[in-house]
Amino acid sequence: MRMESLLKGLFAIGAAMLCFGWGLLTSRTQIFPYRILKEAELAVQSELKLRNQGLSDDDWRTWLREHPTPLAGPQARFLTKRTLSEPILLTLPDLGNESQSGRRELARIVDRQGYSLHTWTADDKWLRELASRNGVTLRNESIVYGCGAEVDEAGNLLVSMQTHLGFPYGATLVRLDRESNPQWSAPLAVHHWFSVADDGAIYAPWHEAVKTPLTLGGTTVEVVSPSGRILNDGIVKLSPRGKVLDKFSLLEVLSNSGLAGLLVGNVPDIRHPSGGKQVVRVSDEDPVHLNDVQVICQRHLPSRPGLELGDLLVSLRTPSVLAVVSPKTRTIKWHSTRNTLFQHSPRLVPDGVLAFYNLGGGVETGGTRLALVDLSGGTSRTLFPRPDKKLPESFFSVLAGHVDVHRDGTRALIASTAQGVVWEVDLSSGEVLWEYIAPEPGQHPTARLSCFCAKYCSEPEWIPGQVAATIPEQR
């Protein structure tokens, strides 16, 4: 019996030493099962990061500004004597409450009195299935919500979907008819704001999580992040029916354009390991953060030499860059740096590019501003707010922020996402003309719904008599 126990002990010690030796050899030579173990490690790190560093509901609320008094319903008011009539298309995700009946509101059209003319909703389970199918890791608390939106003359809605407490945060692009019946969804993690060309083609941001080290095409540069992964941002072109026509990576575009340095900070960590690779260590898993793609259409061209039909105006938040990308050559033909900081929502206007400049605005007005960047010289100036014009409240949104310029070019809608407010402003005078605020239902009576998109839309003639106007029910 003693001999049998001794043999078992010696076998266990031998097996342990063999496993230790094989493990040491694996780590040194990266033979089997090194790759499997490394992928498992990355998966665990990803899950831990998702659980420990994702925004909780309370964390999200710390980014939001609250109204000083509770509101019984949406508040819409005119702040000048000007009479404005166009309905407004809004996405107002409720990130802190459960949806009723398993459905979530994606977008609504409101009139200038704040009454809801029409809403689109979608099944929560269906939205989560679409996100998971596109490679998104979701938790039980994750929410899939609408961000950018576009409605056509028949009442069909295009809406880009994002995730709250998911990784990555992009989910998909869906098209619904006016009765909220799904028509199609994009097979990619589309996010933020997209645009539609004159021929109906859709241009949208998309991304995917990729492992590092990642070699930038055609160079000796490897990008490495502390977690072993980064988001690879890109642009996708879709047909009006949702078929993928083209897609390419912004990392590829930056490399092709000789602008890979925009991926790193002022003092990059560059090393020279064996094999002749230069390793660029980025501190952010989201080194590009593409947040808007605006296709150049015929109406943009007359006064803008150098731009071509089909060029793409984009915003790269992490490096604080505005750029025009040629999808034909997959290179950057114009860019602006250091004129904006963490900006969103660039729009072409007669004098240049208008952008929602999240950080760097005046202290006295709140810290956010609309910057007008000159296309020729690359300089910028503040278009809104103006020091001589009184604001309804301070203007500041540390995240998102959307701008829609009216077709006559004289005014614009500003959705200040973290404030939960929509303003319409006169671009020449800096006056705030109109305001819309929607309260968050539930346990926080002074909290507002964060608005990710506010756009002008034509009179919805497909709503019979428009008799359906009602104050939105508290979800």
Protein backbone atom coordinates (compact mmCIF):
# COMPACT_ATOMS: atom_id res chain seq x y z
CA MET A 1 0.00 0.00 0.00
CA ARG A 2 2.86 2.28 0.93
CA MET A 3 4.62 1.50 -2.36
CA GLU A 4 1.40 2.24 -4.30
CA SER A 5 1.03 5.65 -2.57
CA LEU A 6 4.67 6.44 -3.25
CA LEU A 7 4.28 5.61 -6.94
CA LYS A 8 1.15 7.80 -7.15
CA GLY A 9 3.01 10.66 -5.48
CA LEU A 10 5.98 10.31 -7.83
CA PHE A 11 3.62 10.20 -10.83
CA ALA A 12 1.83 13.38 -9.66
CA ILE A 13 5.14 15.18 -9.13
CA GLY A 14 6.36 14.05 -12.55
CA ALA A 15 3.15 15.16 -14.25
CA ALA A 16 3.34 18.52 -12.50
CA MET A 17 6.98 18.99 -13.56
CA LEU A 18 6.09 17.98 -17.13
CA CYS A 19 3.20 20.49 -17.22
CA PHE A 20 5.44 23.19 -15.75
CA GLY A 21 8.17 22.48 -18.29
CA TRP A 22 5.70 22.41 -21.18
CA GLY A 23 4.15 25.66 -19.94
CA LEU A 24 7.58 27.28 -19.76
CA LEU A 25 8.41 26.03 -23.25
CA THR A 26 5.02 27.27 -24.50
CA SER A 27 5.56 30.79 -23.13
CA ARG A 28 9.07 30.94 -24.61
CA THR A 29 8.37 29.44 -28.04
CA GLN A 30 4.61 30.18 -28.33
CA ILE A 31 3.84 26.58 -29.39
CA PHE A 32 0.55 24.81 -28.60
CA PRO A 33 -1.48 25.70 -26.56
CA TYR A 34 -0.07 29.25 -26.31
CA ARG A 35 -2.59 30.83 -28.70
CA ILE A 36 -5.58 29.17 -26.99
CA LEU A 37 -4.41 30.30 -23.55
CA LYS A 38 -3.71 33.83 -24.80
CA GLU A 39 -7.17 34.10 -26.35
CA ALA A 40 -8.73 32.81 -23.12
CA GLU A 41 -6.74 35.43 -21.17
CA LEU A 42 -7.99 38.19 -23.48
CA ALA A 43 -11.56 36.92 -23.14
CA VAL A 44 -11.33 37.00 -19.33
CA GLN A 45 -9.78 40.49 -19.41
CA SER A 46 -12.53 41.69 -21.72
CA GLU A 47 -15.24 40.30 -19.46
CA LEU A 48 -13.63 41.78 -16.32
CA LYS A 49 -13.31 45.15 -18.00
CA LEU A 50 -16.92 44.99 -19.13
CA ARG A 51 -18.05 44.14 -15.60
CA ASN A 52 -15.77 46.42 -13.62
CA GLN A 53 -15.20 49.43 -15.85
CA GLY A 54 -18.47 49.72 -17.74
CA LEU A 55 -20.74 52.61 -16.86
CA SER A 56 -23.34 51.67 -14.29
CA ASP A 57 -26.70 53.42 -14.36
CA ASP A 58 -25.56 55.73 -11.56
CA ASP A 59 -22.27 56.45 -13.36
CA TRP A 60 -24.21 57.38 -16.49
CA ARG A 61 -26.32 59.84 -14.54
CA THR A 62 -23.23 61.65 -13.26
CA TRP A 63 -22.61 62.72 -16.87
CA LEU A 64 -26.11 64.15 -17.21
CA ARG A 65 -27.33 67.61 -16.25
CA GLU A 66 -30.67 67.83 -14.47
CA HIS A 67 -33.46 70.33 -14.82
CA PRO A 68 -33.88 72.44 -11.67
CA THR A 69 -37.55 71.47 -11.29
CA PRO A 70 -39.55 68.35 -12.17
CA LEU A 71 -41.40 68.35 -15.49
CA ALA A 72 -44.77 66.66 -15.95
CA GLY A 73 -44.01 66.07 -19.63
CA PRO A 74 -41.85 67.28 -22.49
CA GLN A 75 -41.25 71.01 -22.43
CA ALA A 76 -41.07 72.90 -25.72
CA ARG A 77 -40.96 76.68 -25.85
CA PHE A 78 -40.20 79.51 -28.23
CA LEU A 79 -37.56 81.89 -26.92
CA THR A 80 -38.05 84.58 -29.58
CA LYS A 81 -41.00 85.96 -31.54
CA ARG A 82 -40.01 84.06 -34.67
CA THR A 83 -42.58 81.49 -35.78
CA LEU A 84 -41.07 78.11 -36.61
CA SER A 85 -43.11 75.24 -37.96
CA GLU A 86 -41.02 72.24 -39.09
CA PRO A 87 -41.48 69.05 -37.06
CA ILE A 88 -38.33 67.61 -35.46
CA LEU A 89 -37.06 64.01 -35.60
CA LEU A 90 -35.49 62.94 -32.30
CA THR A 91 -33.75 59.96 -30.75
CA LEU A 92 -34.18 60.07 -26.97
CA PRO A 93 -32.87 56.81 -25.47
CA ASP A 94 -33.97 56.04 -21.94
CA LEU A 95 -30.83 54.35 -20.59
CA GLY A 96 -31.92 54.03 -16.99
CA ASN A 97 -35.30 52.29 -17.08
CA GLU A 98 -36.86 49.06 -18.23
CA SER A 99 -38.97 49.33 -21.36
CA GLN A 100 -42.61 48.29 -21.18
CA SER A 101 -43.92 45.21 -22.97
CA GLY A 102 -40.43 44.30 -24.14
CA ARG A 103 -40.28 47.15 -26.68
CA ARG A 104 -38.02 50.18 -26.79
CA GLU A 105 -38.63 53.55 -28.42
CA LEU A 106 -36.10 54.23 -31.17
CA ALA A 107 -37.20 57.64 -32.45
CA ARG A 108 -40.06 60.11 -32.41
CA ILE A 109 -41.30 63.08 -34.40
CA VAL A 110 -42.47 66.05 -32.34
CA ASP A 111 -44.11 69.32 -33.29
CA ARG A 112 -42.96 72.71 -32.03
CA GLN A 113 -45.30 72.52 -29.03
CA GLY A 114 -43.61 69.30 -27.89
CA TYR A 115 -46.45 66.98 -28.89
CA SER A 116 -45.48 63.60 -30.28
CA LEU A 117 -46.74 63.09 -33.84
CA HIS A 118 -45.30 59.61 -34.31
CA THR A 119 -42.97 57.10 -32.64
CA TRP A 120 -41.10 54.02 -33.80
CA THR A 121 -40.41 51.13 -31.43
CA ALA A 122 -38.62 47.79 -31.65
CA ASP A 123 -38.53 44.56 -29.69
CA ASP A 124 -35.73 44.54 -27.10
CA LYS A 125 -34.94 40.86 -27.64
CA TRP A 126 -34.63 41.35 -31.41
CA LEU A 127 -32.26 44.31 -30.95
CA ARG A 128 -30.06 42.32 -28.57
CA GLU A 129 -29.96 39.38 -31.00
CA LEU A 130 -28.86 41.70 -33.82
CA ALA A 131 -26.08 43.18 -31.65
CA SER A 132 -24.85 39.73 -30.54
CA ARG A 133 -24.86 38.53 -34.15
CA ASN A 134 -22.55 41.43 -35.01
CA GLY A 135 -19.96 40.48 -32.38
CA VAL A 136 -21.14 42.61 -29.44
CA THR A 137 -20.74 41.25 -25.90
CA LEU A 138 -23.83 42.12 -23.83
CA ARG A 139 -24.62 41.89 -20.13
CA ASN A 140 -28.06 41.44 -18.62
CA GLU A 141 -28.09 45.18 -17.91
CA SER A 142 -27.02 46.15 -21.43
CA ILE A 143 -29.39 48.29 -23.47
CA VAL A 144 -29.48 48.59 -27.26
CA TYR A 145 -30.72 52.05 -28.22
CA GLY A 146 -31.14 54.37 -31.21
CA CYS A 147 -28.57 57.05 -32.03
CA GLY A 148 -28.55 58.53 -35.56
CA ALA A 149 -31.80 58.59 -37.53
CA GLU A 150 -33.27 59.47 -40.92
CA VAL A 151 -36.91 59.30 -42.04
CA ASP A 152 -38.11 59.30 -45.66
CA GLU A 153 -41.28 60.74 -47.17
CA ALA A 154 -43.16 57.46 -46.69
CA GLY A 155 -42.37 57.25 -42.97
CA ASN A 156 -39.69 54.56 -43.18
CA LEU A 157 -37.03 55.02 -40.49
CA LEU A 158 -33.31 54.34 -40.71
CA VAL A 159 -31.70 54.28 -37.27
CA SER A 160 -28.19 53.35 -36.11
CA MET A 161 -28.09 51.28 -32.95
CA GLN A 162 -25.58 51.46 -30.09
CA THR A 163 -25.20 49.64 -26.79
CA HIS A 164 -25.05 50.92 -23.25
CA LEU A 165 -22.89 48.57 -21.13
CA GLY A 166 -21.87 46.48 -24.13
CA PHE A 167 -18.58 45.95 -25.99
CA PRO A 168 -18.06 47.21 -28.56
CA TYR A 169 -20.68 49.92 -28.31
CA GLY A 170 -21.77 49.79 -31.98
CA ALA A 171 -24.65 47.40 -32.71
CA THR A 172 -26.24 47.68 -36.17
CA LEU A 173 -28.29 49.82 -38.56
CA VAL A 174 -31.97 48.94 -38.97
CA ARG A 175 -34.75 50.07 -41.28
CA LEU A 176 -38.35 50.04 -40.06
CA ASP A 177 -41.52 50.96 -41.88
CA ARG A 178 -43.82 53.59 -40.38
CA GLU A 179 -45.64 50.91 -38.37
CA SER A 180 -42.30 49.84 -36.80
CA ASN A 181 -42.13 46.60 -38.79
CA PRO A 182 -38.49 45.59 -39.43
CA GLN A 183 -37.39 45.65 -43.08
CA TRP A 184 -33.68 44.89 -42.81
CA SER A 185 -30.62 45.23 -40.57
CA ALA A 186 -26.95 45.74 -41.40
CA PRO A 187 -24.61 42.78 -40.66
CA LEU A 188 -22.04 45.07 -39.01
CA ALA A 189 -21.59 46.93 -35.74
CA VAL A 190 -22.76 50.31 -37.09
CA HIS A 191 -22.83 53.24 -34.66
CA HIS A 192 -23.15 57.01 -34.25
CA TRP A 193 -24.31 59.11 -37.23
CA PHE A 194 -24.61 58.13 -40.88
CA SER A 195 -25.71 59.93 -44.05
CA VAL A 196 -27.58 59.13 -47.26
CA ALA A 197 -26.25 60.06 -50.71
CA ASP A 198 -28.29 61.45 -53.59
CA ASP A 199 -28.59 57.94 -55.08
CA GLY A 200 -29.85 56.44 -51.80
CA ALA A 201 -26.56 54.78 -50.78
CA ILE A 202 -25.91 54.88 -47.03
CA TYR A 203 -22.50 55.73 -45.54
CA ALA A 204 -22.03 54.84 -41.88
CA PRO A 205 -19.37 54.30 -39.19
CA TRP A 206 -18.76 50.69 -38.15
CA HIS A 207 -16.18 48.95 -36.01
CA GLU A 208 -14.93 45.62 -34.77
CA ALA A 209 -12.69 44.52 -31.90
CA VAL A 210 -9.31 43.26 -33.16
CA LYS A 211 -6.35 41.82 -31.32
CA THR A 212 -3.02 43.55 -31.00
CA PRO A 213 -0.21 43.62 -32.02
CA LEU A 214 -1.82 44.89 -35.25
CA THR A 215 0.40 45.74 -38.20
CA LEU A 216 -0.60 48.87 -40.11
CA GLY A 217 -0.84 47.81 -43.75
CA GLY A 218 2.32 48.25 -45.80
CA THR A 219 4.42 49.52 -42.86
CA THR A 220 6.73 48.15 -40.17
CA VAL A 221 4.51 49.64 -37.44
CA GLU A 222 2.65 47.42 -34.98
CA VAL A 223 -0.05 48.98 -32.79
CA VAL A 224 -0.28 47.52 -29.27
CA SER A 225 -2.74 48.35 -26.49
CA PRO A 226 -2.50 47.40 -22.81
CA SER A 227 -5.55 45.10 -23.02
CA GLY A 228 -4.39 43.34 -26.17
CA ARG A 229 -7.20 44.67 -28.34
CA ILE A 230 -8.40 47.85 -30.03
CA LEU A 231 -11.48 48.94 -31.91
CA ASN A 232 -10.86 48.98 -35.64
CA ASP A 233 -13.06 51.82 -36.93
CA GLY A 234 -14.15 51.97 -40.53
CA ILE A 235 -16.71 53.21 -43.05
CA VAL A 236 -19.33 51.02 -44.70
CA LYS A 237 -21.35 51.79 -47.82
CA LEU A 238 -24.77 50.13 -47.91
CA SER A 239 -27.39 49.94 -50.64
CA PRO A 240 -30.89 51.33 -49.94
CA ARG A 241 -31.84 47.72 -49.11
CA GLY A 242 -29.00 47.20 -46.66
CA LYS A 243 -26.56 45.24 -48.82
CA VAL A 244 -22.88 45.90 -48.05
CA LEU A 245 -21.37 47.51 -51.16
CA ASP A 246 -17.99 48.53 -49.74
CA LYS A 247 -16.21 48.86 -46.41
CA PHE A 248 -12.74 49.88 -45.33
CA SER A 249 -10.76 50.61 -42.18
CA LEU A 250 -9.80 54.10 -40.96
CA LEU A 251 -6.53 52.59 -39.70
CA GLU A 252 -5.82 51.70 -43.32
CA VAL A 253 -6.78 55.22 -44.45
CA LEU A 254 -4.49 56.85 -41.86
CA SER A 255 -1.63 54.58 -42.89
CA ASN A 256 -2.21 55.24 -46.62
CA SER A 257 -2.23 58.98 -45.95
CA GLY A 258 1.00 59.05 -43.91
CA LEU A 259 -0.98 60.10 -40.84
CA ALA A 260 -0.54 57.07 -38.57
CA GLY A 261 0.96 59.44 -35.99
CA LEU A 262 -2.56 60.66 -35.22
CA LEU A 263 -3.15 57.36 -33.41
CA VAL A 264 -0.80 58.18 -30.57
CA GLY A 265 -0.32 60.97 -28.07
CA ASN A 266 2.42 63.58 -27.96
CA VAL A 267 4.92 61.09 -26.48
CA PRO A 268 4.36 57.67 -28.08
CA ASP A 269 5.96 54.58 -26.57
CA ILE A 270 7.94 53.19 -29.53
CA ARG A 271 10.19 50.15 -29.22
CA HIS A 272 12.26 48.02 -31.60
CA PRO A 273 11.80 44.30 -30.91
CA SER A 274 13.26 41.53 -33.01
CA GLY A 275 11.90 41.27 -36.52
CA GLY A 276 12.35 44.95 -37.33
CA LYS A 277 8.88 46.05 -36.16
CA GLN A 278 8.32 49.42 -34.51
CA VAL A 279 5.78 48.92 -31.74
CA VAL A 280 3.49 51.90 -31.09
CA ARG A 281 1.72 51.53 -27.79
CA VAL A 282 -1.65 53.31 -27.59
CA SER A 283 -3.23 53.93 -24.21
CA ASP A 284 -6.81 53.80 -25.51
CA GLU A 285 -8.66 50.78 -26.88
CA ASP A 286 -10.54 53.27 -29.05
CA PRO A 287 -7.67 55.14 -30.77
CA VAL A 288 -9.81 56.58 -33.61
CA HIS A 289 -13.44 56.77 -32.40
CA LEU A 290 -15.04 57.62 -35.74
CA ASN A 291 -18.35 59.25 -34.81
CA ASP A 292 -19.81 60.69 -38.01
CA VAL A 293 -19.73 60.09 -41.78
CA GLN A 294 -21.25 62.78 -44.02
CA VAL A 295 -21.26 62.07 -47.76
CA ILE A 296 -20.55 65.04 -50.06
CA CYS A 297 -23.61 65.51 -52.31
CA GLN A 298 -24.26 67.77 -55.28
CA ARG A 299 -25.57 70.59 -53.09
CA HIS A 300 -22.20 70.80 -51.28
CA LEU A 301 -19.95 71.20 -54.31
CA PRO A 302 -20.39 74.63 -55.99
CA SER A 303 -18.40 76.71 -53.49
CA ARG A 304 -15.92 74.05 -52.36
CA PRO A 305 -13.06 73.46 -54.79
CA GLY A 306 -11.13 70.27 -54.17
CA LEU A 307 -14.11 68.26 -52.95
CA GLU A 308 -15.66 65.60 -55.16
CA LEU A 309 -19.05 63.96 -55.27
CA GLY A 310 -18.91 61.00 -52.89
CA ASP A 311 -16.09 62.30 -50.68
CA LEU A 312 -16.72 61.74 -46.97
CA LEU A 313 -16.49 64.31 -44.16
CA VAL A 314 -15.63 62.48 -40.93
CA SER A 315 -14.96 63.18 -37.27
CA LEU A 316 -12.27 61.25 -35.35
CA ARG A 317 -12.87 62.00 -31.68
CA THR A 318 -9.87 60.44 -29.93
CA PRO A 319 -7.17 62.33 -31.95
CA SER A 320 -9.49 65.39 -32.23
CA VAL A 321 -9.38 65.40 -36.04
CA LEU A 322 -11.81 66.51 -38.74
CA ALA A 323 -11.06 65.08 -42.18
CA VAL A 324 -12.31 64.55 -45.71
CA VAL A 325 -11.74 60.98 -46.93
CA SER A 326 -11.73 59.88 -50.57
CA PRO A 327 -13.33 56.42 -50.72
CA LYS A 328 -11.83 55.96 -54.20
CA THR A 329 -8.20 56.25 -53.06
CA ARG A 330 -8.87 55.49 -49.37
CA THR A 331 -6.76 58.46 -48.35
CA ILE A 332 -7.34 61.69 -46.45
CA LYS A 333 -7.40 64.72 -48.78
CA TRP A 334 -8.00 67.37 -46.09
CA HIS A 335 -7.75 67.35 -42.32
CA SER A 336 -7.83 69.74 -39.39
CA THR A 337 -6.10 69.12 -36.07
CA ARG A 338 -5.92 71.20 -32.87
CA ASN A 339 -8.93 73.31 -33.89
CA THR A 340 -11.40 71.16 -31.97
CA LEU A 341 -11.21 68.86 -28.95
CA PHE A 342 -13.19 65.58 -28.75
CA GLN A 343 -15.57 66.98 -31.38
CA HIS A 344 -18.66 65.38 -32.95
CA SER A 345 -21.11 65.97 -35.79
CA PRO A 346 -19.21 67.96 -38.47
CA ARG A 347 -21.42 69.67 -41.06
CA LEU A 348 -20.50 71.50 -44.26
CA VAL A 349 -21.74 75.10 -44.30
CA PRO A 350 -20.91 77.89 -46.79
CA ASP A 351 -17.96 79.17 -44.74
CA GLY A 352 -16.38 75.82 -43.88
CA VAL A 353 -17.07 72.96 -41.46
CA LEU A 354 -19.30 73.40 -38.42
CA ALA A 355 -18.62 70.98 -35.55
CA PHE A 356 -19.93 70.26 -32.06
CA TYR A 357 -16.78 71.12 -30.05
CA ASN A 358 -17.34 69.24 -26.77
CA LEU A 359 -14.39 70.57 -24.77
CA GLY A 360 -12.48 73.84 -24.81
CA GLY A 361 -15.36 76.31 -24.85
CA GLY A 362 -15.54 79.38 -22.64
CA VAL A 363 -15.91 78.87 -18.88
CA GLU A 364 -18.56 81.56 -18.66
CA THR A 365 -20.88 79.75 -21.12
CA GLY A 366 -20.33 76.18 -19.88
CA GLY A 367 -17.39 74.69 -21.82
CA THR A 368 -18.90 73.46 -25.11
CA ARG A 369 -19.19 75.44 -28.35
CA LEU A 370 -19.90 75.19 -32.06
CA ALA A 371 -16.65 75.75 -33.95
CA LEU A 372 -16.47 76.90 -37.58
CA VAL A 373 -13.31 75.52 -39.21
CA ASP A 374 -12.06 77.15 -42.43
CA LEU A 375 -11.49 74.61 -45.21
CA SER A 376 -8.67 76.57 -46.80
CA GLY A 377 -6.58 77.81 -43.90
CA GLY A 378 -7.65 75.36 -41.21
CA THR A 379 -8.27 78.09 -38.62
CA SER A 380 -11.38 78.08 -36.44
CA ARG A 381 -13.67 80.48 -34.63
CA THR A 382 -16.63 80.16 -32.28
CA LEU A 383 -20.01 80.44 -33.99
CA PHE A 384 -22.08 79.64 -30.89
CA PRO A 385 -22.50 80.63 -28.10
CA ARG A 386 -21.87 84.37 -28.36
CA PRO A 387 -20.75 86.37 -25.30
CA ASP A 388 -23.42 89.02 -25.95
CA LYS A 389 -26.33 86.56 -26.16
CA LYS A 390 -27.97 85.08 -23.10
CA LEU A 391 -28.35 81.29 -22.95
CA PRO A 392 -31.27 79.46 -21.30
CA GLU A 393 -28.61 77.63 -19.28
CA SER A 394 -24.88 76.86 -19.58
CA PHE A 395 -23.87 74.83 -22.65
CA PHE A 396 -21.83 71.70 -21.92
CA SER A 397 -21.88 68.07 -23.06
CA VAL A 398 -18.83 65.90 -22.37
CA LEU A 399 -20.18 63.17 -24.65
CA ALA A 400 -21.86 62.96 -28.07
CA GLY A 401 -23.64 66.12 -29.30
CA HIS A 402 -25.43 66.45 -32.63
CA VAL A 403 -25.91 69.32 -35.11
CA ASP A 404 -28.35 69.60 -38.02
CA VAL A 405 -28.18 72.69 -40.25
CA HIS A 406 -31.45 73.83 -41.82
CA ARG A 407 -31.62 73.64 -45.62
CA ASP A 408 -31.67 77.47 -45.82
CA GLY A 409 -28.38 77.63 -43.88
CA THR A 410 -29.58 80.29 -41.44
CA ARG A 411 -30.29 78.14 -38.37
CA ALA A 412 -29.36 74.83 -36.79
CA LEU A 413 -30.64 72.31 -34.28
CA ILE A 414 -28.21 71.42 -31.48
CA ALA A 415 -28.76 68.27 -29.41
CA SER A 416 -26.62 68.67 -26.28
CA THR A 417 -26.68 65.00 -25.30
CA ALA A 418 -25.48 65.07 -21.69
CA GLN A 419 -27.72 68.03 -20.90
CA GLY A 420 -30.80 66.38 -22.38
CA VAL A 421 -31.74 69.54 -24.27
CA VAL A 422 -32.35 70.52 -27.89
CA TRP A 423 -31.87 74.12 -28.98
CA GLU A 424 -32.53 75.75 -32.30
CA VAL A 425 -30.13 78.64 -32.85
CA ASP A 426 -29.82 81.46 -35.35
CA LEU A 427 -26.37 81.00 -36.88
CA SER A 428 -25.92 84.67 -37.77
CA SER A 429 -27.02 86.25 -34.48
CA GLY A 430 -26.31 83.45 -31.98
CA GLU A 431 -29.82 83.68 -30.53
CA VAL A 432 -31.52 80.58 -29.14
CA LEU A 433 -34.87 80.41 -30.93
CA TRP A 434 -36.50 77.26 -29.54
CA GLU A 435 -35.94 74.68 -26.80
CA TYR A 436 -37.07 71.11 -26.18
CA ILE A 437 -36.54 69.03 -23.03
CA ALA A 438 -37.99 65.57 -22.31
CA PRO A 439 -38.04 64.30 -18.72
CA GLU A 440 -36.85 60.84 -17.83
CA PRO A 441 -39.72 58.73 -16.48
CA GLY A 442 -39.36 56.78 -13.28
CA GLN A 443 -37.57 57.52 -10.03
CA HIS A 444 -35.66 60.65 -11.07
CA PRO A 445 -38.28 63.36 -11.68
CA THR A 446 -35.74 66.08 -12.51
CA ALA A 447 -33.59 63.97 -14.86
CA ARG A 448 -33.80 64.41 -18.62
CA LEU A 449 -33.69 61.97 -21.48
CA SER A 450 -30.34 62.33 -23.23
CA CYS A 451 -30.86 63.36 -26.87
CA PHE A 452 -28.49 61.85 -29.45
CA CYS A 453 -30.08 63.23 -32.60
CA ALA A 454 -32.32 66.17 -33.53
CA LYS A 455 -33.09 66.77 -37.20
CA TYR A 456 -35.43 68.89 -39.27
CA CYS A 457 -37.99 66.85 -41.19
CA SER A 458 -40.74 67.69 -43.64
CA GLU A 459 -44.41 67.67 -42.67
CA PRO A 460 -45.27 63.97 -42.19
CA GLU A 461 -48.17 63.75 -44.64
CA TRP A 462 -48.34 59.99 -44.07
CA ILE A 463 -49.89 60.70 -40.65
CA PRO A 464 -53.62 61.02 -41.55
CA GLY A 465 -54.71 64.53 -40.62
CA GLN A 466 -51.95 64.59 -38.02
CA VAL A 467 -54.64 64.01 -35.38
CA ALA A 468 -52.36 61.58 -33.56
CA ALA A 469 -50.45 64.33 -31.79
CA THR A 470 -50.17 63.48 -28.10
CA ILE A 471 -47.84 64.11 -25.20
CA PRO A 472 -45.60 61.01 -25.13
CA GLU A 473 -46.60 58.52 -22.48
CA GLN A 474 -44.13 57.98 -19.66
CA ARG A 475 -42.48 54.66 -20.51
